[in-house]
Amino acid sequence: MFAVPANTVALPANPTAAHPVRVALDYATNRDSWRHLLRYDPDQRWSRLLDRTDDQEVWLLSWLPGQHTDLHDHGAAFGAFTVVTGTLTESVTRRRPTGEPVQLWHELRTGQSRVFGPGYVHQVHNNGVDPAVTVHVYRAAPRTLVRYRFDPLSGPRRAD
């Protein structure tokens, strides 16, 4: 059910040195370590910090049907997230090499992961009928959220 992408490294003895996808998958498969913490909030996405080191933060999130993020990036941080249960839709907003703005849509199912880095502008939705649970790993910078709006002519614009 949880396949490790071919381009990731083996999990070393020090898990903070592992690729963020490996860390997210490791937490996703170890449900007994966080199952008792999981909650669902009818008004907004729920999140809980699972682990913090000098190098990374690991978060558990739950998404009820209809819940979503705003269009955002994570500042200078990079990392990954893995879908533990449910189905989510991710919209990635960027510019083509020609400068033309584009939105790409990805349906993410149980066991699938996405990697992000600085400048990765996206929005995540639970458009399904079932709740979803995800594990997120943030590295290299404090966890920040920079909001954007999508302009069909010029692409992602900061929503300052």
Protein backbone atom coordinates (compact mmCIF):
# COMPACT_ATOMS: atom_id res chain seq x y z
CA MET A 1 0.00 0.00 0.00
CA PHE A 2 2.81 2.47 0.81
CA ALA A 3 5.40 2.20 -1.96
CA VAL A 4 8.68 4.05 -1.64
CA PRO A 5 9.41 6.05 -4.81
CA ALA A 6 12.39 4.67 -6.74
CA ASN A 7 14.33 7.93 -6.51
CA THR A 8 14.46 7.98 -2.69
CA VAL A 9 17.29 6.81 -0.49
CA ALA A 10 17.22 3.99 2.03
CA LEU A 11 16.26 5.04 5.55
CA PRO A 12 19.52 5.52 7.47
CA ALA A 13 19.99 4.91 11.20
CA ASN A 14 19.43 8.67 11.76
CA PRO A 15 15.90 9.29 10.39
CA THR A 16 16.43 13.07 10.17
CA ALA A 17 18.93 12.39 7.37
CA ALA A 18 16.36 10.45 5.32
CA HIS A 19 14.62 11.91 2.29
CA PRO A 20 11.44 13.71 3.46
CA VAL A 21 9.28 11.21 1.53
CA ARG A 22 10.90 8.34 3.44
CA VAL A 23 10.22 10.11 6.73
CA ALA A 24 6.58 10.80 5.78
CA LEU A 25 6.10 7.19 4.66
CA ASP A 26 7.68 5.90 7.86
CA TYR A 27 5.24 7.93 9.99
CA ALA A 28 2.32 7.02 7.71
CA THR A 29 2.96 3.30 8.17
CA ASN A 30 3.49 3.60 11.93
CA ARG A 31 -0.11 4.54 12.75
CA ASP A 32 0.05 3.18 16.30
CA SER A 33 2.45 6.00 17.20
CA TRP A 34 -0.13 8.72 16.40
CA ARG A 35 -3.58 7.11 16.05
CA HIS A 36 -4.53 8.25 19.59
CA LEU A 37 -3.74 11.88 18.62
CA LEU A 38 -5.85 12.05 15.45
CA ARG A 39 -8.87 14.38 15.49
CA TYR A 40 -11.32 15.76 12.94
CA ASP A 41 -12.49 19.38 13.13
CA PRO A 42 -15.77 20.14 11.34
CA ASP A 43 -14.78 23.80 10.83
CA GLN A 44 -11.21 23.58 9.49
CA ARG A 45 -8.35 21.25 8.69
CA TRP A 46 -6.92 19.82 11.88
CA SER A 47 -3.16 19.54 12.44
CA ARG A 48 -0.84 18.27 15.17
CA LEU A 49 2.93 18.43 15.47
CA LEU A 50 4.25 14.87 15.79
CA ASP A 51 7.98 15.53 15.97
CA ARG A 52 10.44 18.42 15.83
CA THR A 53 14.22 18.29 15.57
CA ASP A 54 16.79 20.92 14.64
CA ASP A 55 16.39 19.78 11.02
CA GLN A 56 12.70 19.04 10.49
CA GLU A 57 9.10 19.10 11.64
CA VAL A 58 6.62 16.26 11.12
CA TRP A 59 2.90 17.10 11.17
CA LEU A 60 -0.27 15.01 11.11
CA LEU A 61 -3.28 16.58 9.32
CA SER A 62 -6.89 15.51 8.87
CA TRP A 63 -9.17 16.76 6.10
CA LEU A 64 -12.94 16.37 6.15
CA PRO A 65 -14.78 16.52 2.82
CA GLY A 66 -14.72 20.08 1.47
CA GLN A 67 -11.73 21.22 3.55
CA HIS A 68 -8.78 22.74 1.73
CA THR A 69 -5.80 25.03 1.96
CA ASP A 70 -5.48 28.44 0.38
CA LEU A 71 -3.09 28.75 -2.55
CA HIS A 72 0.32 28.92 -0.82
CA ASP A 73 3.98 28.00 -0.70
CA HIS A 74 6.17 27.07 2.27
CA GLY A 75 8.68 29.90 2.05
CA ALA A 76 12.26 28.60 2.03
CA ALA A 77 11.30 25.17 3.41
CA PHE A 78 11.29 21.97 1.41
CA GLY A 79 9.73 18.65 2.27
CA ALA A 80 7.02 16.19 1.35
CA PHE A 81 3.60 14.94 2.31
CA THR A 82 2.03 11.49 2.10
CA VAL A 83 -1.66 10.57 1.97
CA VAL A 84 -2.33 8.05 4.75
CA THR A 85 -6.04 7.58 4.03
CA GLY A 86 -8.54 9.11 1.62
CA THR A 87 -8.08 11.02 -1.61
CA LEU A 88 -6.92 14.62 -2.04
CA THR A 89 -6.58 16.87 -5.06
CA GLU A 90 -3.52 19.09 -5.37
CA SER A 91 -3.39 22.07 -7.71
CA VAL A 92 0.15 23.22 -8.54
CA THR A 93 0.46 26.72 -9.95
CA ARG A 94 3.55 27.74 -11.89
CA ARG A 95 4.81 29.32 -15.07
CA ARG A 96 5.92 27.42 -18.14
CA PRO A 97 9.43 28.20 -19.46
CA THR A 98 7.67 30.51 -21.93
CA GLY A 99 6.28 32.52 -18.98
CA GLU A 100 2.70 31.33 -19.54
CA PRO A 101 0.88 30.56 -16.25
CA VAL A 102 -0.46 27.06 -15.77
CA GLN A 103 -2.31 25.08 -13.11
CA LEU A 104 -1.66 21.34 -12.92
CA TRP A 105 -4.03 19.02 -11.05
CA HIS A 106 -2.98 15.82 -9.29
CA GLU A 107 -5.31 13.35 -7.60
CA LEU A 108 -3.51 11.81 -4.64
CA ARG A 109 -4.64 8.52 -3.18
CA THR A 110 -3.63 6.50 -0.13
CA GLY A 111 0.12 5.85 -0.14
CA GLN A 112 1.03 8.57 -2.65
CA SER A 113 3.46 11.36 -1.81
CA ARG A 114 4.33 14.78 -3.18
CA VAL A 115 7.61 16.65 -2.75
CA PHE A 116 7.82 20.45 -2.50
CA GLY A 117 10.51 23.09 -2.25
CA PRO A 118 10.94 26.87 -2.24
CA GLY A 119 8.67 28.49 -4.81
CA TYR A 120 6.33 25.47 -5.03
CA VAL A 121 2.89 27.12 -5.06
CA HIS A 122 0.00 24.74 -4.48
CA GLN A 123 -3.44 24.23 -3.02
CA VAL A 124 -4.77 20.99 -1.54
CA HIS A 125 -8.46 20.00 -1.43
CA ASN A 126 -10.49 17.13 -0.08
CA ASN A 127 -13.07 16.95 -2.87
CA GLY A 128 -14.04 13.42 -1.89
CA VAL A 129 -16.82 12.07 0.30
CA ASP A 130 -14.50 10.50 2.91
CA PRO A 131 -12.10 12.08 5.40
CA ALA A 132 -8.41 12.10 4.52
CA VAL A 133 -5.29 11.96 6.69
CA THR A 134 -1.81 13.14 5.68
CA VAL A 135 1.69 13.30 7.15
CA HIS A 136 3.81 16.37 6.25
CA VAL A 137 7.56 16.81 6.66
CA TYR A 138 9.11 20.31 6.54
CA ARG A 139 12.87 20.88 6.33
CA ALA A 140 15.60 23.53 6.09
CA ALA A 141 13.63 26.53 7.33
CA PRO A 142 10.94 27.45 9.82
CA ARG A 143 7.51 26.27 8.70
CA THR A 144 5.92 29.29 7.03
CA LEU A 145 2.95 29.75 4.77
CA VAL A 146 2.99 32.43 2.05
CA ARG A 147 -0.45 32.95 0.51
CA TYR A 148 -1.05 33.54 -3.20
CA ARG A 149 -3.86 34.20 -5.62
CA PHE A 150 -3.94 32.89 -9.18
CA ASP A 151 -4.05 35.47 -11.95
CA PRO A 152 -4.83 33.73 -15.27
CA LEU A 153 -2.72 36.29 -17.16
CA SER A 154 0.35 36.52 -14.93
CA GLY A 155 0.20 33.36 -12.80
CA PRO A 156 0.65 33.11 -9.02
CA ARG A 157 0.72 36.47 -7.26
CA ARG A 158 1.48 36.97 -3.58
CA ALA A 159 -1.67 37.87 -1.67
CA ASP A 160 0.00 40.39 0.66
